[in-house]
Amino acid sequence: MGEFRSLLLKLSLCLPTAIMDSNKLTINLALFGMTQSGKSSAGNILLGSTDFHSSFSPSSVTKDCTLGRSCHLHGFMRRGGQEITLQVQVLDTPGYPHSRLSKKHVEQEVREALAHHFGQEGLHLALLVQRADVPLCGQEESSPVQMIQELLGQVWKNYTAILFTHAEKIQEAGFNEEEYLHEASDTLLTLLNSIQHKYIFQYKKGNSLNEQRLKILERIIEFIKENRYQVLTFK
């Protein structure tokens, strides 16, 4: 917790004034990924709650877009003698390919949700949730990457990062992160190059949920800072 407080204190010194005027920093995230990739579980970790239904199932679990909001995180930043609070908003989306819904239905559902929830506030980052133990193969028209491109438009590369779930499987297989990425498919390597190597590994074993959350949020804040705190708005 102390490390995260230090990070956010440093962050407060370089945030644009417009973002800090309300004494509150809100981070808007959207989750994309294939069915059973771990989107809802990752969303719960980001929120520090159990807002999203997550369970093993032989079919797609998430059918509708749902927005979750974290509690306000106090005591991390100060500016002008006033405390700045941090809040995370996460949009969970149906997996695609979906076992029951067509691509057109899923895309329309997500498009409307992005416009409704982040139309004016804007989206800071789209997280492509990818299982570390499932190779990312050739991009097809039905892939989550293709959907992100269609929904976010030409600037999608600036607003996309990969969240590798089940990263403990990498360690179990005897790899470290660098070795894992070195052996990755050409499709994944091309994607990582496109999004300026914005990626996060999510581990479960050996880490508490709070530790997982803080480490992931640290990386996300770094990406947002590198992107100069710009947001993508929707109409």
C-alpha atoms as a PDB file:
ATOM      1  CA  MET A   1       0.000   0.000   0.000  1.00  0.00           C
ATOM      2  CA  GLY A   2       2.848   2.400   0.847  1.00  0.00           C
ATOM      3  CA  GLU A   3       4.417   1.843  -2.588  1.00  0.00           C
ATOM      4  CA  PHE A   4       1.132   2.656  -4.315  1.00  0.00           C
ATOM      5  CA  ARG A   5       0.657   5.794  -2.201  1.00  0.00           C
ATOM      6  CA  SER A   6       4.131   6.941  -3.249  1.00  0.00           C
ATOM      7  CA  LEU A   7       3.339   6.308  -6.925  1.00  0.00           C
ATOM      8  CA  LEU A   8       0.112   8.278  -6.798  1.00  0.00           C
ATOM      9  CA  LEU A   9       1.752  11.106  -4.858  1.00  0.00           C
ATOM     10  CA  LYS A  10       4.303  11.441  -7.659  1.00  0.00           C
ATOM     11  CA  LEU A  11       1.465  11.242 -10.159  1.00  0.00           C
ATOM     12  CA  SER A  12      -0.315  14.189  -8.531  1.00  0.00           C
ATOM     13  CA  LEU A  13       2.645  16.427  -9.285  1.00  0.00           C
ATOM     14  CA  CYS A  14       2.390  15.975 -13.049  1.00  0.00           C
ATOM     15  CA  LEU A  15      -1.350  15.580 -13.677  1.00  0.00           C
ATOM     16  CA  PRO A  16      -2.901  18.276 -15.891  1.00  0.00           C
ATOM     17  CA  THR A  17      -4.809  20.901 -13.918  1.00  0.00           C
ATOM     18  CA  ALA A  18      -8.050  20.125 -15.754  1.00  0.00           C
ATOM     19  CA  ILE A  19      -8.019  16.563 -14.467  1.00  0.00           C
ATOM     20  CA  MET A  20      -7.367  17.608 -10.888  1.00  0.00           C
ATOM     21  CA  ASP A  21      -9.838  20.501 -10.584  1.00  0.00           C
ATOM     22  CA  SER A  22     -12.572  18.327  -9.057  1.00  0.00           C
ATOM     23  CA  ASN A  23     -10.159  16.858  -6.476  1.00  0.00           C
ATOM     24  CA  LYS A  24     -10.977  13.463  -7.925  1.00  0.00           C
ATOM     25  CA  LEU A  25      -9.249  11.279 -10.504  1.00  0.00           C
ATOM     26  CA  THR A  26     -11.480   8.764 -12.298  1.00  0.00           C
ATOM     27  CA  ILE A  27      -9.986   6.068 -14.522  1.00  0.00           C
ATOM     28  CA  ASN A  28     -12.342   4.620 -17.154  1.00  0.00           C
ATOM     29  CA  LEU A  29     -11.581   1.125 -18.455  1.00  0.00           C
ATOM     30  CA  ALA A  30     -13.353  -1.314 -20.788  1.00  0.00           C
ATOM     31  CA  LEU A  31     -12.711  -5.071 -20.872  1.00  0.00           C
ATOM     32  CA  PHE A  32     -12.669  -7.082 -24.095  1.00  0.00           C
ATOM     33  CA  GLY A  33     -11.776 -10.699 -24.720  1.00  0.00           C
ATOM     34  CA  MET A  34     -12.869 -14.164 -25.715  1.00  0.00           C
ATOM     35  CA  THR A  35     -15.326 -16.245 -23.721  1.00  0.00           C
ATOM     36  CA  GLN A  36     -13.772 -17.644 -20.519  1.00  0.00           C
ATOM     37  CA  SER A  37     -10.713 -15.400 -20.864  1.00  0.00           C
ATOM     38  CA  GLY A  38     -11.247 -14.063 -17.348  1.00  0.00           C
ATOM     39  CA  LYS A  39     -12.726 -10.629 -18.115  1.00  0.00           C
ATOM     40  CA  SER A  40     -15.247 -10.527 -15.281  1.00  0.00           C
ATOM     41  CA  SER A  41     -12.757 -11.890 -12.767  1.00  0.00           C
ATOM     42  CA  ALA A  42     -10.202  -9.284 -13.861  1.00  0.00           C
ATOM     43  CA  GLY A  43     -12.855  -6.601 -13.546  1.00  0.00           C
ATOM     44  CA  ASN A  44     -13.571  -7.641  -9.974  1.00  0.00           C
ATOM     45  CA  ILE A  45      -9.876  -7.414  -9.139  1.00  0.00           C
ATOM     46  CA  LEU A  46      -9.675  -3.915 -10.619  1.00  0.00           C
ATOM     47  CA  LEU A  47     -12.712  -2.808  -8.622  1.00  0.00           C
ATOM     48  CA  GLY A  48     -11.759  -4.588  -5.419  1.00  0.00           C
ATOM     49  CA  SER A  49     -15.248  -6.090  -5.316  1.00  0.00           C
ATOM     50  CA  THR A  50     -17.461  -8.832  -6.740  1.00  0.00           C
ATOM     51  CA  ASP A  51     -19.644  -6.644  -8.977  1.00  0.00           C
ATOM     52  CA  PHE A  52     -19.318  -8.909 -12.004  1.00  0.00           C
ATOM     53  CA  HIS A  53     -20.582 -12.476 -12.097  1.00  0.00           C
ATOM     54  CA  SER A  54     -17.652 -14.795 -12.729  1.00  0.00           C
ATOM     55  CA  SER A  55     -17.731 -18.588 -12.879  1.00  0.00           C
ATOM     56  CA  PHE A  56     -16.604 -21.529 -14.953  1.00  0.00           C
ATOM     57  CA  SER A  57     -19.116 -22.466 -17.602  1.00  0.00           C
ATOM     58  CA  PRO A  58     -19.155 -24.494 -20.827  1.00  0.00           C
ATOM     59  CA  SER A  59     -20.816 -21.479 -22.470  1.00  0.00           C
ATOM     60  CA  SER A  60     -20.474 -17.703 -22.411  1.00  0.00           C
ATOM     61  CA  VAL A  61     -21.429 -16.240 -19.019  1.00  0.00           C
ATOM     62  CA  THR A  62     -21.631 -12.476 -19.688  1.00  0.00           C
ATOM     63  CA  LYS A  63     -24.521 -11.478 -21.949  1.00  0.00           C
ATOM     64  CA  ASP A  64     -24.825  -7.749 -21.243  1.00  0.00           C
ATOM     65  CA  CYS A  65     -22.466  -4.844 -20.679  1.00  0.00           C
ATOM     66  CA  THR A  66     -22.187  -3.853 -17.024  1.00  0.00           C
ATOM     67  CA  LEU A  67     -20.465  -0.860 -15.463  1.00  0.00           C
ATOM     68  CA  GLY A  68     -18.792  -1.275 -12.095  1.00  0.00           C
ATOM     69  CA  ARG A  69     -17.399   1.485  -9.887  1.00  0.00           C
ATOM     70  CA  SER A  70     -14.785   1.045  -7.216  1.00  0.00           C
ATOM     71  CA  CYS A  71     -15.014   2.705  -3.848  1.00  0.00           C
ATOM     72  CA  HIS A  72     -13.149   5.978  -3.502  1.00  0.00           C
ATOM     73  CA  LEU A  73      -9.501   5.451  -2.637  1.00  0.00           C
ATOM     74  CA  HIS A  74      -8.491   8.145  -0.170  1.00  0.00           C
ATOM     75  CA  GLY A  75      -5.182   9.307   1.199  1.00  0.00           C
ATOM     76  CA  PHE A  76      -3.083   8.610  -1.885  1.00  0.00           C
ATOM     77  CA  MET A  77      -2.620  12.078  -3.385  1.00  0.00           C
ATOM     78  CA  ARG A  78      -2.748  15.716  -2.314  1.00  0.00           C
ATOM     79  CA  ARG A  79      -2.724  18.920  -4.356  1.00  0.00           C
ATOM     80  CA  GLY A  80      -2.797  22.427  -2.962  1.00  0.00           C
ATOM     81  CA  GLY A  81      -3.311  21.010   0.497  1.00  0.00           C
ATOM     82  CA  GLN A  82      -6.419  19.085  -0.584  1.00  0.00           C
ATOM     83  CA  GLU A  83      -6.809  15.331  -0.800  1.00  0.00           C
ATOM     84  CA  ILE A  84      -7.358  13.787  -4.221  1.00  0.00           C
ATOM     85  CA  THR A  85      -9.474  10.644  -4.422  1.00  0.00           C
ATOM     86  CA  LEU A  86      -9.092   7.891  -6.986  1.00  0.00           C
ATOM     87  CA  GLN A  87     -11.964   5.904  -8.482  1.00  0.00           C
ATOM     88  CA  VAL A  88     -11.915   3.163 -11.108  1.00  0.00           C
ATOM     89  CA  GLN A  89     -14.835   2.572 -13.487  1.00  0.00           C
ATOM     90  CA  VAL A  90     -14.822  -0.705 -15.404  1.00  0.00           C
ATOM     91  CA  LEU A  91     -17.117  -1.724 -18.258  1.00  0.00           C
ATOM     92  CA  ASP A  92     -17.432  -5.502 -18.528  1.00  0.00           C
ATOM     93  CA  THR A  93     -18.501  -6.699 -21.979  1.00  0.00           C
ATOM     94  CA  PRO A  94     -19.758 -10.005 -23.430  1.00  0.00           C
ATOM     95  CA  GLY A  95     -17.031 -12.308 -24.696  1.00  0.00           C
ATOM     96  CA  TYR A  96     -16.612 -12.832 -28.386  1.00  0.00           C
ATOM     97  CA  PRO A  97     -16.975 -15.192 -30.114  1.00  0.00           C
ATOM     98  CA  HIS A  98     -20.095 -15.678 -27.960  1.00  0.00           C
ATOM     99  CA  SER A  99     -21.859 -19.017 -27.575  1.00  0.00           C
ATOM    100  CA  ARG A 100     -25.331 -17.481 -27.894  1.00  0.00           C
ATOM    101  CA  LEU A 101     -25.025 -13.966 -29.330  1.00  0.00           C
ATOM    102  CA  SER A 102     -24.049 -12.884 -32.829  1.00  0.00           C
ATOM    103  CA  LYS A 103     -21.136 -10.555 -33.469  1.00  0.00           C
ATOM    104  CA  LYS A 104     -23.548  -7.862 -34.635  1.00  0.00           C
ATOM    105  CA  HIS A 105     -25.516  -8.084 -31.390  1.00  0.00           C
ATOM    106  CA  VAL A 106     -22.407  -8.001 -29.189  1.00  0.00           C
ATOM    107  CA  GLU A 107     -20.857  -5.110 -31.101  1.00  0.00           C
ATOM    108  CA  GLN A 108     -24.061  -3.067 -30.950  1.00  0.00           C
ATOM    109  CA  GLU A 109     -24.412  -3.768 -27.234  1.00  0.00           C
ATOM    110  CA  VAL A 110     -20.844  -2.647 -26.544  1.00  0.00           C
ATOM    111  CA  ARG A 111     -21.078   0.396 -28.823  1.00  0.00           C
ATOM    112  CA  GLU A 112     -24.179   1.644 -27.009  1.00  0.00           C
ATOM    113  CA  ALA A 113     -22.608   0.987 -23.600  1.00  0.00           C
ATOM    114  CA  LEU A 114     -19.431   2.902 -24.485  1.00  0.00           C
ATOM    115  CA  ALA A 115     -21.471   5.869 -25.669  1.00  0.00           C
ATOM    116  CA  HIS A 116     -23.748   5.752 -22.618  1.00  0.00           C
ATOM    117  CA  HIS A 117     -21.096   5.383 -19.928  1.00  0.00           C
ATOM    118  CA  PHE A 118     -18.045   7.056 -21.481  1.00  0.00           C
ATOM    119  CA  GLY A 119     -19.630   9.305 -24.094  1.00  0.00           C
ATOM    120  CA  GLN A 120     -18.496  12.522 -22.446  1.00  0.00           C
ATOM    121  CA  GLU A 121     -16.085  11.366 -19.750  1.00  0.00           C
ATOM    122  CA  GLY A 122     -14.104   9.352 -22.266  1.00  0.00           C
ATOM    123  CA  LEU A 123     -12.334   5.989 -22.204  1.00  0.00           C
ATOM    124  CA  HIS A 124      -8.795   5.909 -20.844  1.00  0.00           C
ATOM    125  CA  LEU A 125      -7.952   2.354 -21.807  1.00  0.00           C
ATOM    126  CA  ALA A 126      -9.402  -0.757 -23.439  1.00  0.00           C
ATOM    127  CA  LEU A 127      -7.991  -3.903 -21.845  1.00  0.00           C
ATOM    128  CA  LEU A 128      -7.806  -6.937 -24.109  1.00  0.00           C
ATOM    129  CA  VAL A 129      -8.046  -9.829 -21.656  1.00  0.00           C
ATOM    130  CA  GLN A 130      -6.044 -12.765 -22.984  1.00  0.00           C
ATOM    131  CA  ARG A 131      -5.331 -16.041 -21.206  1.00  0.00           C
ATOM    132  CA  ALA A 132      -1.573 -16.541 -20.919  1.00  0.00           C
ATOM    133  CA  ASP A 133      -2.024 -20.299 -21.403  1.00  0.00           C
ATOM    134  CA  VAL A 134      -3.965 -19.922 -24.666  1.00  0.00           C
ATOM    135  CA  PRO A 135      -1.924 -18.876 -27.750  1.00  0.00           C
ATOM    136  CA  LEU A 136      -3.167 -15.848 -29.675  1.00  0.00           C
ATOM    137  CA  CYS A 137      -3.422 -17.076 -33.246  1.00  0.00           C
ATOM    138  CA  GLY A 138      -4.301 -15.409 -36.524  1.00  0.00           C
ATOM    139  CA  GLN A 139      -6.715 -12.496 -36.249  1.00  0.00           C
ATOM    140  CA  GLU A 140     -10.092 -13.295 -37.710  1.00  0.00           C
ATOM    141  CA  GLU A 141     -13.010 -10.949 -38.288  1.00  0.00           C
ATOM    142  CA  SER A 142     -14.707 -12.392 -35.211  1.00  0.00           C
ATOM    143  CA  SER A 143     -11.755 -11.780 -32.851  1.00  0.00           C
ATOM    144  CA  PRO A 144     -11.890  -9.338 -29.903  1.00  0.00           C
ATOM    145  CA  VAL A 145      -8.982  -7.418 -31.473  1.00  0.00           C
ATOM    146  CA  GLN A 146     -11.029  -6.823 -34.604  1.00  0.00           C
ATOM    147  CA  MET A 147     -13.941  -5.656 -32.471  1.00  0.00           C
ATOM    148  CA  ILE A 148     -11.743  -3.200 -30.582  1.00  0.00           C
ATOM    149  CA  GLN A 149     -10.501  -1.791 -33.880  1.00  0.00           C
ATOM    150  CA  GLU A 150     -14.043  -1.333 -35.169  1.00  0.00           C
ATOM    151  CA  LEU A 151     -15.313   0.249 -31.942  1.00  0.00           C
ATOM    152  CA  LEU A 152     -12.392   2.547 -31.158  1.00  0.00           C
ATOM    153  CA  GLY A 153     -11.490   3.511 -34.707  1.00  0.00           C
ATOM    154  CA  GLN A 154      -8.116   4.459 -36.125  1.00  0.00           C
ATOM    155  CA  VAL A 155      -6.648   5.501 -32.767  1.00  0.00           C
ATOM    156  CA  TRP A 156      -7.343   2.117 -31.129  1.00  0.00           C
ATOM    157  CA  LYS A 157      -3.617   1.391 -30.747  1.00  0.00           C
ATOM    158  CA  ASN A 158      -3.191   4.358 -28.398  1.00  0.00           C
ATOM    159  CA  TYR A 159      -5.989   3.211 -26.107  1.00  0.00           C
ATOM    160  CA  THR A 160      -5.425  -0.546 -25.926  1.00  0.00           C
ATOM    161  CA  ALA A 161      -3.367  -2.726 -23.573  1.00  0.00           C
ATOM    162  CA  ILE A 162      -3.260  -6.495 -23.063  1.00  0.00           C
ATOM    163  CA  LEU A 163      -4.037  -8.032 -19.668  1.00  0.00           C
ATOM    164  CA  PHE A 164      -2.676 -11.590 -19.513  1.00  0.00           C
ATOM    165  CA  THR A 165      -4.746 -13.638 -17.067  1.00  0.00           C
ATOM    166  CA  HIS A 166      -3.671 -16.993 -15.579  1.00  0.00           C
ATOM    167  CA  ALA A 167      -0.077 -15.763 -15.721  1.00  0.00           C
ATOM    168  CA  GLU A 168       0.847 -18.244 -12.990  1.00  0.00           C
ATOM    169  CA  LYS A 169       0.686 -20.880 -15.745  1.00  0.00           C
ATOM    170  CA  ILE A 170       3.804 -19.279 -17.234  1.00  0.00           C
ATOM    171  CA  GLN A 171       5.756 -19.977 -14.061  1.00  0.00           C
ATOM    172  CA  GLU A 172       4.365 -23.495 -13.822  1.00  0.00           C
ATOM    173  CA  ALA A 173       5.666 -24.156 -17.339  1.00  0.00           C
ATOM    174  CA  GLY A 174       9.137 -22.981 -16.324  1.00  0.00           C
ATOM    175  CA  PHE A 175       9.115 -19.658 -18.189  1.00  0.00           C
ATOM    176  CA  ASN A 176       9.612 -16.114 -17.011  1.00  0.00           C
ATOM    177  CA  GLU A 177       7.745 -13.221 -18.654  1.00  0.00           C
ATOM    178  CA  GLU A 178      10.594 -12.353 -21.020  1.00  0.00           C
ATOM    179  CA  GLU A 179      10.948 -15.951 -22.201  1.00  0.00           C
ATOM    180  CA  TYR A 180       7.186 -16.253 -22.615  1.00  0.00           C
ATOM    181  CA  LEU A 181       7.021 -13.190 -24.866  1.00  0.00           C
ATOM    182  CA  HIS A 182      10.089 -14.333 -26.807  1.00  0.00           C
ATOM    183  CA  GLU A 183       8.302 -17.598 -27.649  1.00  0.00           C
ATOM    184  CA  ALA A 184       4.962 -15.919 -28.383  1.00  0.00           C
ATOM    185  CA  SER A 185       3.161 -16.255 -31.710  1.00  0.00           C
ATOM    186  CA  ASP A 186       3.828 -13.782 -34.504  1.00  0.00           C
ATOM    187  CA  THR A 187       0.239 -12.602 -34.123  1.00  0.00           C
ATOM    188  CA  LEU A 188       0.786 -11.644 -30.483  1.00  0.00           C
ATOM    189  CA  LEU A 189       4.160 -10.032 -31.150  1.00  0.00           C
ATOM    190  CA  THR A 190       2.694  -7.960 -33.991  1.00  0.00           C
ATOM    191  CA  LEU A 191      -0.158  -6.866 -31.734  1.00  0.00           C
ATOM    192  CA  LEU A 192       2.231  -5.909 -28.915  1.00  0.00           C
ATOM    193  CA  ASN A 193       4.293  -3.829 -31.337  1.00  0.00           C
ATOM    194  CA  SER A 194       1.137  -2.097 -32.546  1.00  0.00           C
ATOM    195  CA  ILE A 195       0.072  -1.058 -29.034  1.00  0.00           C
ATOM    196  CA  GLN A 196       3.556   0.083 -27.969  1.00  0.00           C
ATOM    197  CA  HIS A 197       4.087  -2.964 -25.729  1.00  0.00           C
ATOM    198  CA  LYS A 198       1.402  -2.028 -23.228  1.00  0.00           C
ATOM    199  CA  TYR A 199       0.774  -5.277 -21.349  1.00  0.00           C
ATOM    200  CA  ILE A 200       0.149  -6.512 -17.812  1.00  0.00           C
ATOM    201  CA  PHE A 201       0.511  -9.986 -16.294  1.00  0.00           C
ATOM    202  CA  GLN A 202      -2.114 -10.966 -13.718  1.00  0.00           C
ATOM    203  CA  TYR A 203      -0.985 -13.606 -11.234  1.00  0.00           C
ATOM    204  CA  LYS A 204      -3.229 -15.378  -8.760  1.00  0.00           C
ATOM    205  CA  LYS A 205      -1.034 -17.788  -6.883  1.00  0.00           C
ATOM    206  CA  GLY A 206       1.011 -16.300  -4.058  1.00  0.00           C
ATOM    207  CA  ASN A 207      -0.614 -12.878  -4.230  1.00  0.00           C
ATOM    208  CA  SER A 208      -3.594 -11.551  -2.338  1.00  0.00           C
ATOM    209  CA  LEU A 209      -6.391  -9.920  -4.324  1.00  0.00           C
ATOM    210  CA  ASN A 210      -5.334  -6.525  -2.985  1.00  0.00           C
ATOM    211  CA  GLU A 211      -1.729  -7.080  -4.092  1.00  0.00           C
ATOM    212  CA  GLN A 212      -2.922  -8.111  -7.553  1.00  0.00           C
ATOM    213  CA  ARG A 213      -5.120  -5.044  -7.756  1.00  0.00           C
ATOM    214  CA  LEU A 214      -2.447  -2.536  -6.760  1.00  0.00           C
ATOM    215  CA  LYS A 215       0.144  -3.956  -9.154  1.00  0.00           C
ATOM    216  CA  ILE A 216      -2.295  -3.885 -12.077  1.00  0.00           C
ATOM    217  CA  LEU A 217      -3.471  -0.355 -11.241  1.00  0.00           C
ATOM    218  CA  GLU A 218       0.131   0.833 -11.058  1.00  0.00           C
ATOM    219  CA  ARG A 219       0.733  -0.349 -14.615  1.00  0.00           C
ATOM    220  CA  ILE A 220      -2.535   1.096 -15.878  1.00  0.00           C
ATOM    221  CA  ILE A 221      -1.717   4.498 -14.409  1.00  0.00           C
ATOM    222  CA  GLU A 222       1.690   4.349 -16.106  1.00  0.00           C
ATOM    223  CA  PHE A 223       0.004   3.697 -19.477  1.00  0.00           C
ATOM    224  CA  ILE A 224      -2.457   6.544 -18.967  1.00  0.00           C
ATOM    225  CA  LYS A 225       0.374   8.868 -18.002  1.00  0.00           C
ATOM    226  CA  GLU A 226       2.359   7.864 -21.119  1.00  0.00           C
ATOM    227  CA  ASN A 227      -0.763   8.651 -23.141  1.00  0.00           C
ATOM    228  CA  ARG A 228      -0.787  12.147 -21.572  1.00  0.00           C
ATOM    229  CA  TYR A 229      -4.087  11.429 -19.850  1.00  0.00           C
ATOM    230  CA  GLN A 230      -5.979  11.727 -23.120  1.00  0.00           C
ATOM    231  CA  VAL A 231      -9.400  10.049 -23.351  1.00  0.00           C
ATOM    232  CA  LEU A 232     -11.363   8.631 -26.248  1.00  0.00           C
ATOM    233  CA  THR A 233     -14.941   9.936 -26.333  1.00  0.00           C
ATOM    234  CA  PHE A 234     -17.951   8.357 -28.005  1.00  0.00           C
ATOM    235  CA  LYS A 235     -21.088   9.791 -29.567  1.00  0.00           C
END
